[in-house]
Amino acid sequence: MKNSLNKKNILGFTLVELAVSMLIIGIISTIVLANYNAGRKQEALNRSTQRLAVAIRQAQNYALFSRVGVKCSTPAGGYGVYMSSVSQYIIFGDCGGNHLYDSVIDDLISVLNFEPNVVIKSDQQPSAVGASMTFEPPIGKFYYNGLASNGPNTIILQNSSDATKQKVITVSVNGSVSVR
């Protein structure tokens, strides 16, 4: 009889305690994984935005320091970035001198892609897809779509699965590039 009364003092877990513990671990794991995935998407958007801003600054530096091109020694229209699609952009030398990308005559420097799930905002007005941003040597004068810029120009990148997650790149009249 004495043994049956002391069963409460036996060490261990009951099935109810084990089930509750596993439920708590499962809930915490789900929350952590959901936030981790959202964080990865935000970081992909941040990286893609910074890479595009660097490409624009690189084109500006090519114009300021007279980089020698392949198809033409010093491109008459300078260097620029062309937004070829919602997920791709091109750094080019404007050999034609019209401040627009022309695949036949212009010097292709590099073709770059945004990270997966990052795109140019498609309903942006004016549309950034198909836009050419060039910097003309020797002072790096900024042109947007073939015309001298008369105000800041923006490109909006967004997460393709969550349009509320956006980053804006602004290129001012004097060519300064900012990201917000």
C-alpha atoms as a PDB file:
ATOM      1  CA  MET A   1       0.000   0.000   0.000  1.00  0.00           C
ATOM      2  CA  LYS A   2       2.742   2.360   0.760  1.00  0.00           C
ATOM      3  CA  ASN A   3       4.054   2.067  -2.847  1.00  0.00           C
ATOM      4  CA  SER A   4       0.758   3.188  -4.387  1.00  0.00           C
ATOM      5  CA  LEU A   5       0.664   6.360  -2.287  1.00  0.00           C
ATOM      6  CA  ASN A   6       4.170   7.482  -3.304  1.00  0.00           C
ATOM      7  CA  LYS A   7       3.582   7.349  -7.091  1.00  0.00           C
ATOM      8  CA  LYS A   8       3.205  11.133  -7.149  1.00  0.00           C
ATOM      9  CA  ASN A   9       6.872  11.494  -6.264  1.00  0.00           C
ATOM     10  CA  ILE A  10       8.098   9.585  -9.340  1.00  0.00           C
ATOM     11  CA  LEU A  11      10.108  11.800 -11.705  1.00  0.00           C
ATOM     12  CA  GLY A  12       9.060  12.135 -15.377  1.00  0.00           C
ATOM     13  CA  PHE A  13       6.573  13.765 -17.733  1.00  0.00           C
ATOM     14  CA  THR A  14       2.957  12.969 -18.295  1.00  0.00           C
ATOM     15  CA  LEU A  15       1.578  12.747 -21.830  1.00  0.00           C
ATOM     16  CA  VAL A  16      -0.327  16.000 -21.298  1.00  0.00           C
ATOM     17  CA  GLU A  17       2.841  17.874 -20.292  1.00  0.00           C
ATOM     18  CA  LEU A  18       4.701  16.457 -23.290  1.00  0.00           C
ATOM     19  CA  ALA A  19       1.882  17.413 -25.695  1.00  0.00           C
ATOM     20  CA  VAL A  20       1.712  20.978 -24.331  1.00  0.00           C
ATOM     21  CA  SER A  21       5.496  21.363 -24.618  1.00  0.00           C
ATOM     22  CA  MET A  22       5.478  20.147 -28.227  1.00  0.00           C
ATOM     23  CA  LEU A  23       2.599  22.501 -29.051  1.00  0.00           C
ATOM     24  CA  ILE A  24       4.505  25.489 -27.647  1.00  0.00           C
ATOM     25  CA  ILE A  25       7.664  24.535 -29.574  1.00  0.00           C
ATOM     26  CA  GLY A  26       5.596  24.148 -32.768  1.00  0.00           C
ATOM     27  CA  ILE A  27       3.965  27.574 -32.398  1.00  0.00           C
ATOM     28  CA  ILE A  28       7.289  29.308 -31.742  1.00  0.00           C
ATOM     29  CA  SER A  29       8.919  27.526 -34.697  1.00  0.00           C
ATOM     30  CA  THR A  30       6.099  28.582 -37.025  1.00  0.00           C
ATOM     31  CA  ILE A  31       6.391  32.226 -35.973  1.00  0.00           C
ATOM     32  CA  VAL A  32      10.172  32.227 -36.374  1.00  0.00           C
ATOM     33  CA  LEU A  33      10.065  30.582 -39.826  1.00  0.00           C
ATOM     34  CA  ALA A  34       7.347  32.949 -41.072  1.00  0.00           C
ATOM     35  CA  ASN A  35       9.364  35.995 -40.002  1.00  0.00           C
ATOM     36  CA  TYR A  36      12.559  34.514 -41.437  1.00  0.00           C
ATOM     37  CA  ASN A  37      10.995  34.109 -44.888  1.00  0.00           C
ATOM     38  CA  ALA A  38       9.597  37.664 -44.838  1.00  0.00           C
ATOM     39  CA  GLY A  39      13.017  38.938 -43.763  1.00  0.00           C
ATOM     40  CA  ARG A  40      14.707  37.114 -46.653  1.00  0.00           C
ATOM     41  CA  LYS A  41      12.341  38.734 -49.160  1.00  0.00           C
ATOM     42  CA  GLN A  42      12.979  42.187 -47.686  1.00  0.00           C
ATOM     43  CA  GLU A  43      16.739  41.658 -47.824  1.00  0.00           C
ATOM     44  CA  ALA A  44      16.492  40.543 -51.472  1.00  0.00           C
ATOM     45  CA  LEU A  45      14.652  43.801 -52.226  1.00  0.00           C
ATOM     46  CA  ASN A  46      17.282  45.810 -50.324  1.00  0.00           C
ATOM     47  CA  ARG A  47      20.171  44.095 -52.143  1.00  0.00           C
ATOM     48  CA  SER A  48      18.597  44.531 -55.586  1.00  0.00           C
ATOM     49  CA  THR A  49      17.918  48.205 -54.911  1.00  0.00           C
ATOM     50  CA  GLN A  50      21.477  48.827 -53.752  1.00  0.00           C
ATOM     51  CA  ARG A  51      22.907  46.964 -56.767  1.00  0.00           C
ATOM     52  CA  LEU A  52      20.859  49.076 -59.188  1.00  0.00           C
ATOM     53  CA  ALA A  53      21.933  52.265 -57.402  1.00  0.00           C
ATOM     54  CA  VAL A  54      25.570  51.127 -57.649  1.00  0.00           C
ATOM     55  CA  ALA A  55      25.117  50.404 -61.386  1.00  0.00           C
ATOM     56  CA  ILE A  56      23.779  53.939 -61.920  1.00  0.00           C
ATOM     57  CA  ARG A  57      26.722  55.397 -59.975  1.00  0.00           C
ATOM     58  CA  GLN A  58      29.097  53.173 -61.954  1.00  0.00           C
ATOM     59  CA  ALA A  59      27.741  54.543 -65.255  1.00  0.00           C
ATOM     60  CA  GLN A  60      28.207  58.049 -63.878  1.00  0.00           C
ATOM     61  CA  ASN A  61      31.807  57.268 -62.902  1.00  0.00           C
ATOM     62  CA  TYR A  62      32.513  55.842 -66.359  1.00  0.00           C
ATOM     63  CA  ALA A  63      31.367  59.165 -67.859  1.00  0.00           C
ATOM     64  CA  LEU A  64      33.351  61.281 -65.402  1.00  0.00           C
ATOM     65  CA  PHE A  65      36.566  59.314 -65.843  1.00  0.00           C
ATOM     66  CA  SER A  66      36.227  58.617 -69.602  1.00  0.00           C
ATOM     67  CA  ARG A  67      36.203  54.819 -69.611  1.00  0.00           C
ATOM     68  CA  VAL A  68      37.311  53.450 -72.978  1.00  0.00           C
ATOM     69  CA  GLY A  69      34.566  51.479 -74.737  1.00  0.00           C
ATOM     70  CA  VAL A  70      34.733  48.425 -76.999  1.00  0.00           C
ATOM     71  CA  LYS A  71      32.612  49.525 -79.988  1.00  0.00           C
ATOM     72  CA  CYS A  72      33.675  53.162 -79.705  1.00  0.00           C
ATOM     73  CA  SER A  73      36.663  54.621 -77.884  1.00  0.00           C
ATOM     74  CA  THR A  74      34.730  57.208 -75.865  1.00  0.00           C
ATOM     75  CA  PRO A  75      30.942  56.982 -76.261  1.00  0.00           C
ATOM     76  CA  ALA A  76      29.570  60.321 -77.494  1.00  0.00           C
ATOM     77  CA  GLY A  77      26.430  59.990 -75.383  1.00  0.00           C
ATOM     78  CA  GLY A  78      28.304  58.839 -72.311  1.00  0.00           C
ATOM     79  CA  TYR A  79      27.407  55.830 -70.212  1.00  0.00           C
ATOM     80  CA  GLY A  80      24.101  54.722 -68.863  1.00  0.00           C
ATOM     81  CA  VAL A  81      21.735  52.165 -67.452  1.00  0.00           C
ATOM     82  CA  TYR A  82      18.855  50.795 -69.509  1.00  0.00           C
ATOM     83  CA  MET A  83      15.906  49.108 -67.792  1.00  0.00           C
ATOM     84  CA  SER A  84      15.393  46.279 -70.309  1.00  0.00           C
ATOM     85  CA  SER A  85      12.552  44.486 -68.473  1.00  0.00           C
ATOM     86  CA  VAL A  86      10.858  44.383 -65.076  1.00  0.00           C
ATOM     87  CA  SER A  87      13.639  42.123 -63.798  1.00  0.00           C
ATOM     88  CA  GLN A  88      16.747  43.101 -65.803  1.00  0.00           C
ATOM     89  CA  TYR A  89      18.908  46.143 -66.555  1.00  0.00           C
ATOM     90  CA  ILE A  90      21.913  46.863 -68.764  1.00  0.00           C
ATOM     91  CA  ILE A  91      24.966  49.070 -68.265  1.00  0.00           C
ATOM     92  CA  PHE A  92      25.975  50.476 -71.654  1.00  0.00           C
ATOM     93  CA  GLY A  93      28.153  52.972 -73.481  1.00  0.00           C
ATOM     94  CA  ASP A  94      26.079  55.258 -75.728  1.00  0.00           C
ATOM     95  CA  CYS A  95      28.089  55.147 -78.963  1.00  0.00           C
ATOM     96  CA  GLY A  96      25.172  56.599 -80.964  1.00  0.00           C
ATOM     97  CA  GLY A  97      25.173  59.785 -78.903  1.00  0.00           C
ATOM     98  CA  ASN A  98      21.377  59.950 -78.589  1.00  0.00           C
ATOM     99  CA  HIS A  99      21.306  59.212 -74.820  1.00  0.00           C
ATOM    100  CA  LEU A 100      19.160  56.119 -75.456  1.00  0.00           C
ATOM    101  CA  TYR A 101      20.119  52.443 -75.467  1.00  0.00           C
ATOM    102  CA  ASP A 102      20.359  50.947 -78.965  1.00  0.00           C
ATOM    103  CA  SER A 103      21.510  47.326 -78.906  1.00  0.00           C
ATOM    104  CA  VAL A 104      22.915  47.484 -82.462  1.00  0.00           C
ATOM    105  CA  ILE A 105      25.396  50.343 -82.046  1.00  0.00           C
ATOM    106  CA  ASP A 106      25.847  50.834 -78.311  1.00  0.00           C
ATOM    107  CA  ASP A 107      28.585  49.253 -76.229  1.00  0.00           C
ATOM    108  CA  LEU A 108      27.115  46.579 -73.931  1.00  0.00           C
ATOM    109  CA  ILE A 109      29.088  46.572 -70.684  1.00  0.00           C
ATOM    110  CA  SER A 110      27.015  44.234 -68.514  1.00  0.00           C
ATOM    111  CA  VAL A 111      23.565  42.693 -68.175  1.00  0.00           C
ATOM    112  CA  LEU A 112      22.300  42.370 -64.609  1.00  0.00           C
ATOM    113  CA  ASN A 113      19.205  40.776 -63.084  1.00  0.00           C
ATOM    114  CA  PHE A 114      17.294  41.589 -59.948  1.00  0.00           C
ATOM    115  CA  GLU A 115      17.038  38.871 -57.331  1.00  0.00           C
ATOM    116  CA  PRO A 116      14.054  36.502 -57.561  1.00  0.00           C
ATOM    117  CA  ASN A 117      10.729  38.110 -56.573  1.00  0.00           C
ATOM    118  CA  VAL A 118      12.087  41.642 -57.118  1.00  0.00           C
ATOM    119  CA  VAL A 119      10.690  43.638 -60.048  1.00  0.00           C
ATOM    120  CA  ILE A 120      10.291  47.198 -61.276  1.00  0.00           C
ATOM    121  CA  LYS A 121       6.887  48.522 -60.297  1.00  0.00           C
ATOM    122  CA  SER A 122       4.848  48.063 -63.474  1.00  0.00           C
ATOM    123  CA  ASP A 123       2.214  50.753 -62.921  1.00  0.00           C
ATOM    124  CA  GLN A 124       4.793  53.469 -62.251  1.00  0.00           C
ATOM    125  CA  GLN A 125       4.200  56.600 -64.364  1.00  0.00           C
ATOM    126  CA  PRO A 126       6.199  57.300 -66.387  1.00  0.00           C
ATOM    127  CA  SER A 127       7.155  53.659 -66.780  1.00  0.00           C
ATOM    128  CA  ALA A 128      10.713  52.852 -65.777  1.00  0.00           C
ATOM    129  CA  VAL A 129      10.756  49.744 -67.996  1.00  0.00           C
ATOM    130  CA  GLY A 130      12.477  50.759 -71.217  1.00  0.00           C
ATOM    131  CA  ALA A 131      13.980  53.855 -69.616  1.00  0.00           C
ATOM    132  CA  SER A 132      17.546  54.931 -70.381  1.00  0.00           C
ATOM    133  CA  MET A 133      19.509  56.970 -67.853  1.00  0.00           C
ATOM    134  CA  THR A 134      22.778  58.324 -69.217  1.00  0.00           C
ATOM    135  CA  PHE A 135      25.598  60.504 -67.986  1.00  0.00           C
ATOM    136  CA  GLU A 136      27.457  62.515 -70.611  1.00  0.00           C
ATOM    137  CA  PRO A 137      31.175  63.214 -70.278  1.00  0.00           C
ATOM    138  CA  PRO A 138      33.106  65.212 -69.240  1.00  0.00           C
ATOM    139  CA  ILE A 139      30.924  66.545 -66.391  1.00  0.00           C
ATOM    140  CA  GLY A 140      28.421  63.689 -66.113  1.00  0.00           C
ATOM    141  CA  LYS A 141      25.359  65.656 -67.271  1.00  0.00           C
ATOM    142  CA  PHE A 142      22.289  63.503 -66.582  1.00  0.00           C
ATOM    143  CA  TYR A 143      19.791  62.497 -69.290  1.00  0.00           C
ATOM    144  CA  TYR A 144      16.595  60.511 -68.804  1.00  0.00           C
ATOM    145  CA  ASN A 145      15.102  58.844 -71.892  1.00  0.00           C
ATOM    146  CA  GLY A 146      17.207  60.952 -74.231  1.00  0.00           C
ATOM    147  CA  LEU A 147      16.347  64.326 -72.701  1.00  0.00           C
ATOM    148  CA  ALA A 148      18.290  66.471 -70.273  1.00  0.00           C
ATOM    149  CA  SER A 149      16.712  65.872 -66.897  1.00  0.00           C
ATOM    150  CA  ASN A 150      14.720  68.781 -65.474  1.00  0.00           C
ATOM    151  CA  GLY A 151      13.719  67.164 -62.199  1.00  0.00           C
ATOM    152  CA  PRO A 152      14.349  64.110 -60.074  1.00  0.00           C
ATOM    153  CA  ASN A 153      13.599  60.776 -61.736  1.00  0.00           C
ATOM    154  CA  THR A 154      12.574  57.715 -59.765  1.00  0.00           C
ATOM    155  CA  ILE A 155      12.598  53.972 -60.191  1.00  0.00           C
ATOM    156  CA  ILE A 156      10.464  51.945 -57.814  1.00  0.00           C
ATOM    157  CA  LEU A 157      11.403  48.344 -57.074  1.00  0.00           C
ATOM    158  CA  GLN A 158       8.965  46.073 -55.294  1.00  0.00           C
ATOM    159  CA  ASN A 159       8.530  42.553 -54.048  1.00  0.00           C
ATOM    160  CA  SER A 160       6.498  40.698 -56.700  1.00  0.00           C
ATOM    161  CA  SER A 161       4.573  38.732 -54.075  1.00  0.00           C
ATOM    162  CA  ASP A 162       3.904  41.740 -51.791  1.00  0.00           C
ATOM    163  CA  ALA A 163       3.459  45.059 -53.607  1.00  0.00           C
ATOM    164  CA  THR A 164       3.493  46.963 -50.307  1.00  0.00           C
ATOM    165  CA  LYS A 165       7.218  46.214 -49.937  1.00  0.00           C
ATOM    166  CA  GLN A 166       8.900  48.860 -52.095  1.00  0.00           C
ATOM    167  CA  LYS A 167      12.187  50.736 -52.429  1.00  0.00           C
ATOM    168  CA  VAL A 168      12.660  53.963 -54.383  1.00  0.00           C
ATOM    169  CA  ILE A 169      15.800  55.036 -56.234  1.00  0.00           C
ATOM    170  CA  THR A 170      15.909  58.739 -57.076  1.00  0.00           C
ATOM    171  CA  VAL A 171      18.372  60.320 -59.493  1.00  0.00           C
ATOM    172  CA  SER A 172      18.434  64.101 -59.172  1.00  0.00           C
ATOM    173  CA  VAL A 173      19.143  66.665 -61.892  1.00  0.00           C
ATOM    174  CA  ASN A 174      22.790  66.877 -60.845  1.00  0.00           C
ATOM    175  CA  GLY A 175      23.130  63.070 -60.927  1.00  0.00           C
ATOM    176  CA  SER A 176      23.129  62.260 -57.227  1.00  0.00           C
ATOM    177  CA  VAL A 177      21.604  58.849 -56.532  1.00  0.00           C
ATOM    178  CA  SER A 178      19.625  58.156 -53.374  1.00  0.00           C
ATOM    179  CA  VAL A 179      17.766  55.118 -52.055  1.00  0.00           C
ATOM    180  CA  ARG A 180      14.839  55.166 -49.670  1.00  0.00           C
END
